[in-house]
Amino acid sequence: MSELIYLWRVHCNFTDTDEFIWTDVEPTVCPVAHPDMTIDSARTAIVDSTRIENEITISPAVLKVNNNDFFRVGGYILPTLKHKLFKIEVISFMDTAATSYDIKILDVDNQNIIANANFTNTSEAMMDLGTLTNVPDGNTQLDILVRKNGGGISDYAYVTSISFLFRQDTSL
């Protein structure tokens, strides 16, 4: 696989903050989901690069959620690898009557949140869960949790695919 990917610093005008996102193309929107988020392209820059060494994609056991509380849609046993988990992407969307939806990745064994993101897209799209934190070295269970915000009982958030991307662990 070994695809080159870049860590971009993107300046979001609405919050006047820098956000970071791994992607192979220059971002044109702020990685933080907010309707008023524009970027200052003059302050967008590459700050790091790496090669994707491995990608594991799974399909969730539950494809749609109408709960206002987090609901487990799937899990993944993260093995100990020579590559480091550095990015998680999902293909997801919500019904138009919902306000938003959240996706959380939980390291069950260590009780740490690895990723937590809020989205508002109503068309199926690849969504980046943002900067990962508390990334374990492996040999742990990851749970994928989803909740829908707003809307009624017949409105859903949908997750059709979850991809875990790994890069060479430079600490080895």
Foldseek 3Di string as FASTA:
>chain_A
DFAKWFWKFWQWPVVRHTFIDIGRDFDQFDLAADPRTGTDVVPIDTDDMFTFPDKDKDFFCDFKDAAQDKDFRHKDAFAQDQWFFWWKKWFKAWAQQFAKKKKWKAFVVVRDTFFIGIHHHHDTDIHTRGGTPPGDNGRTMITIIMYIHGDDSPIIMGTGMMMTTTTRDPVD
